[in-house]
């Protein structure tokens, strides 16, 4: 007889694998959108999408730098702690503002509604809009992670802000096998 033995995989490994797959889908989607925008001369919408998404990346990198700098050389630097907390708050606000408010309001309205009113037979209308709607769904998904992170910090479940992606560098192949 075959016996059933449950296999327990640590949550960190599942998170690691899921993020890798999700990020690859996200990057491939972005490359397809950028290539097709350039190919079919939809530059205005492409530039607006890039601007609305890249403005948050600047704040994210600023916040990550301050998280790393607050404990360096064996010392604790209060200014970097304050800047990292302020950066986290501003990142969360601008993520919502640019990716979940302005992106649907300006980009999706322009591509889904206004474009059909001005030019009825747009090439690849459904293809581009499905890619943009997928991007919006990914933005909502990531925003849920941001809200969960903020909730953990506000409720005291997380005492110190750490970058979880450092786990990738310390994960050995023997830890991946069950």
Protein backbone atom coordinates (compact mmCIF):
# COMPACT_ATOMS: atom_id res chain seq x y z
CA UNK A 1 0.00 0.00 0.00
CA UNK A 2 1.04 3.52 -0.63
CA UNK A 3 1.12 5.64 2.45
CA UNK A 4 0.40 9.31 2.37
CA UNK A 5 3.15 11.40 3.90
CA UNK A 6 2.62 15.15 3.77
CA UNK A 7 5.54 17.20 2.56
CA UNK A 8 5.99 20.45 4.40
CA UNK A 9 7.70 23.19 2.48
CA UNK A 10 8.75 26.27 4.41
CA UNK A 11 6.73 29.38 3.65
CA UNK A 12 9.89 31.31 2.78
CA UNK A 13 10.73 28.91 -0.03
CA UNK A 14 7.20 29.09 -1.45
CA UNK A 15 7.35 32.87 -1.23
CA UNK A 16 10.74 32.87 -2.96
CA UNK A 17 9.54 30.67 -5.83
CA UNK A 18 6.25 32.53 -6.24
CA UNK A 19 7.93 35.92 -6.37
CA UNK A 20 10.41 34.66 -8.95
CA UNK A 21 7.60 33.39 -11.19
CA UNK A 22 5.47 36.48 -10.66
CA UNK A 23 8.35 38.84 -11.39
CA UNK A 24 9.22 36.98 -14.59
CA UNK A 25 5.64 37.30 -15.80
CA UNK A 26 5.68 40.99 -14.87
CA UNK A 27 8.95 41.65 -16.71
CA UNK A 28 7.87 39.75 -19.83
CA UNK A 29 4.58 41.65 -19.86
CA UNK A 30 6.43 44.98 -19.60
CA UNK A 31 8.80 44.07 -22.41
CA UNK A 32 5.93 43.04 -24.67
CA UNK A 33 4.04 46.25 -23.92
CA UNK A 34 7.11 48.44 -24.53
CA UNK A 35 8.00 46.63 -27.77
CA UNK A 36 4.48 46.84 -29.14
CA UNK A 37 4.07 50.48 -28.10
CA UNK A 38 7.19 51.32 -30.07
CA UNK A 39 6.18 49.12 -33.01
CA UNK A 40 2.68 50.56 -33.43
CA UNK A 41 3.59 54.14 -32.51
CA UNK A 42 1.53 54.42 -29.32
CA UNK A 43 4.27 56.58 -27.77
CA UNK A 44 2.04 58.91 -25.75
CA UNK A 45 0.39 56.11 -23.81
CA UNK A 46 3.69 54.24 -23.42
CA UNK A 47 5.43 57.26 -21.95
CA UNK A 48 2.56 57.90 -19.57
CA UNK A 49 2.62 54.28 -18.38
CA UNK A 50 6.39 54.48 -17.84
CA UNK A 51 6.14 57.74 -15.92
CA UNK A 52 3.30 56.57 -13.68
CA UNK A 53 5.16 53.38 -12.80
CA UNK A 54 8.72 54.63 -12.53
CA UNK A 55 7.98 57.48 -10.13
CA UNK A 56 7.44 54.88 -7.39
CA UNK A 57 10.68 53.06 -8.13
CA UNK A 58 12.68 56.16 -7.19
CA UNK A 59 11.03 56.30 -3.78
CA UNK A 60 11.43 52.57 -3.28
CA UNK A 61 15.18 52.73 -3.92
CA UNK A 62 15.53 55.77 -1.63
CA UNK A 63 13.71 53.89 1.14
CA UNK A 64 15.78 50.74 0.65
CA UNK A 65 19.01 52.74 0.84
CA UNK A 66 17.96 54.27 4.14
CA UNK A 67 16.94 50.86 5.52
CA UNK A 68 20.43 49.59 4.73
CA UNK A 69 22.17 52.73 6.03
CA UNK A 70 20.42 52.90 9.41
CA UNK A 71 22.60 50.10 10.81
CA UNK A 72 26.02 50.34 9.24
CA UNK A 73 29.45 49.88 10.69
CA UNK A 74 28.06 48.51 13.95
CA UNK A 75 26.21 51.76 14.70
CA UNK A 76 22.62 52.93 14.58
CA UNK A 77 21.76 56.13 12.69
CA UNK A 78 18.48 57.75 13.65
CA UNK A 79 18.29 60.02 10.59
CA UNK A 80 18.27 57.01 8.26
CA UNK A 81 15.60 55.33 10.37
CA UNK A 82 13.40 58.43 10.14
CA UNK A 83 14.04 58.74 6.40
CA UNK A 84 13.26 55.07 5.83
CA UNK A 85 9.95 55.40 7.71
CA UNK A 86 9.04 58.56 5.81
CA UNK A 87 10.05 56.87 2.56
CA UNK A 88 7.82 53.88 3.31
CA UNK A 89 4.83 56.11 3.95
CA UNK A 90 5.41 58.24 0.86
CA UNK A 91 6.00 55.12 -1.25
CA UNK A 92 2.68 53.63 -0.13
CA UNK A 93 0.79 56.85 -0.81
CA UNK A 94 2.33 57.46 -4.23
CA UNK A 95 1.86 53.81 -5.21
CA UNK A 96 -1.85 54.21 -4.65
CA UNK A 97 -1.95 57.67 -6.22
CA UNK A 98 -0.03 56.95 -9.40
CA UNK A 99 -0.65 53.27 -10.08
CA UNK A 100 -4.16 52.77 -8.74
CA UNK A 101 -5.70 56.20 -9.31
CA UNK A 102 -4.00 58.01 -12.20
CA UNK A 103 -3.16 54.90 -14.23
CA UNK A 104 -6.80 53.74 -14.58
CA UNK A 105 -8.12 57.29 -14.78
CA UNK A 106 -5.79 58.54 -17.50
CA UNK A 107 -4.28 55.55 -19.31
CA UNK A 108 -7.08 52.98 -19.22
CA UNK A 109 -9.77 55.55 -19.90
CA UNK A 110 -7.78 56.91 -22.84
CA UNK A 111 -7.09 53.48 -24.32
CA UNK A 112 -10.43 51.78 -23.59
CA UNK A 113 -12.99 54.56 -24.04
CA UNK A 114 -11.61 57.67 -25.70
CA UNK A 115 -9.60 55.86 -28.34
CA UNK A 116 -12.64 54.03 -29.70
CA UNK A 117 -14.56 57.30 -29.95
CA UNK A 118 -11.84 58.97 -32.02
CA UNK A 119 -10.59 55.99 -34.09
CA UNK A 120 -13.04 53.07 -34.30
CA UNK A 121 -10.69 50.48 -35.85
CA UNK A 122 -7.51 50.59 -33.79
CA UNK A 123 -5.03 47.79 -34.55
CA UNK A 124 -4.58 45.38 -31.63
CA UNK A 125 -7.08 47.24 -29.45
CA UNK A 126 -8.02 44.23 -27.34
CA UNK A 127 -4.44 42.97 -27.13
CA UNK A 128 -3.07 46.24 -25.72
CA UNK A 129 -5.97 46.80 -23.37
CA UNK A 130 -5.73 43.25 -22.03
CA UNK A 131 -2.03 43.86 -21.30
CA UNK A 132 -2.81 47.15 -19.57
CA UNK A 133 -5.62 45.56 -17.54
CA UNK A 134 -3.24 42.75 -16.54
CA UNK A 135 -0.78 45.41 -15.41
CA UNK A 136 -3.52 47.02 -13.32
CA UNK A 137 -4.32 43.65 -11.72
CA UNK A 138 -0.64 43.22 -10.86
CA UNK A 139 -0.57 46.71 -9.36
CA UNK A 140 -3.57 45.83 -7.18
CA UNK A 141 -1.90 42.58 -6.14
CA UNK A 142 1.31 44.34 -5.10
CA UNK A 143 -0.66 47.05 -3.31
CA UNK A 144 -2.27 44.37 -1.16
CA UNK A 145 1.24 43.34 -0.09
CA UNK A 146 2.04 46.97 0.73
CA UNK A 147 -1.14 47.32 2.81
CA UNK A 148 -0.36 44.08 4.67
CA UNK A 149 3.16 45.36 5.37
CA UNK A 150 1.87 48.69 6.68
CA UNK A 151 -0.71 46.88 8.83
CA UNK A 152 2.01 44.69 10.36
CA UNK A 153 4.14 47.72 11.16
CA UNK A 154 1.21 49.68 12.64
CA UNK A 155 -0.02 46.79 14.79
CA UNK A 156 3.46 46.06 16.09
CA UNK A 157 3.76 42.60 14.54
CA UNK A 158 6.92 43.78 12.76
CA UNK A 159 9.42 45.64 14.90
CA UNK A 160 12.12 46.29 12.34
CA UNK A 161 11.86 46.90 8.61
CA UNK A 162 13.94 44.35 6.71
CA UNK A 163 14.37 43.51 3.07
CA UNK A 164 13.05 39.96 2.62
CA UNK A 165 14.85 39.55 -0.68
CA UNK A 166 18.14 39.18 1.16
CA UNK A 167 16.86 35.70 1.95
CA UNK A 168 17.57 34.75 -1.69
CA UNK A 169 21.31 35.23 -1.25
CA UNK A 170 21.48 33.13 1.93
CA UNK A 171 19.36 30.25 0.63
CA UNK A 172 21.55 27.24 -0.21
CA UNK A 173 20.51 24.48 -2.65
CA UNK A 174 20.34 21.97 0.22
CA UNK A 175 17.65 24.10 1.88
CA UNK A 176 15.51 23.95 -1.26
CA UNK A 177 15.19 20.15 -1.26
CA UNK A 178 12.63 18.67 1.17
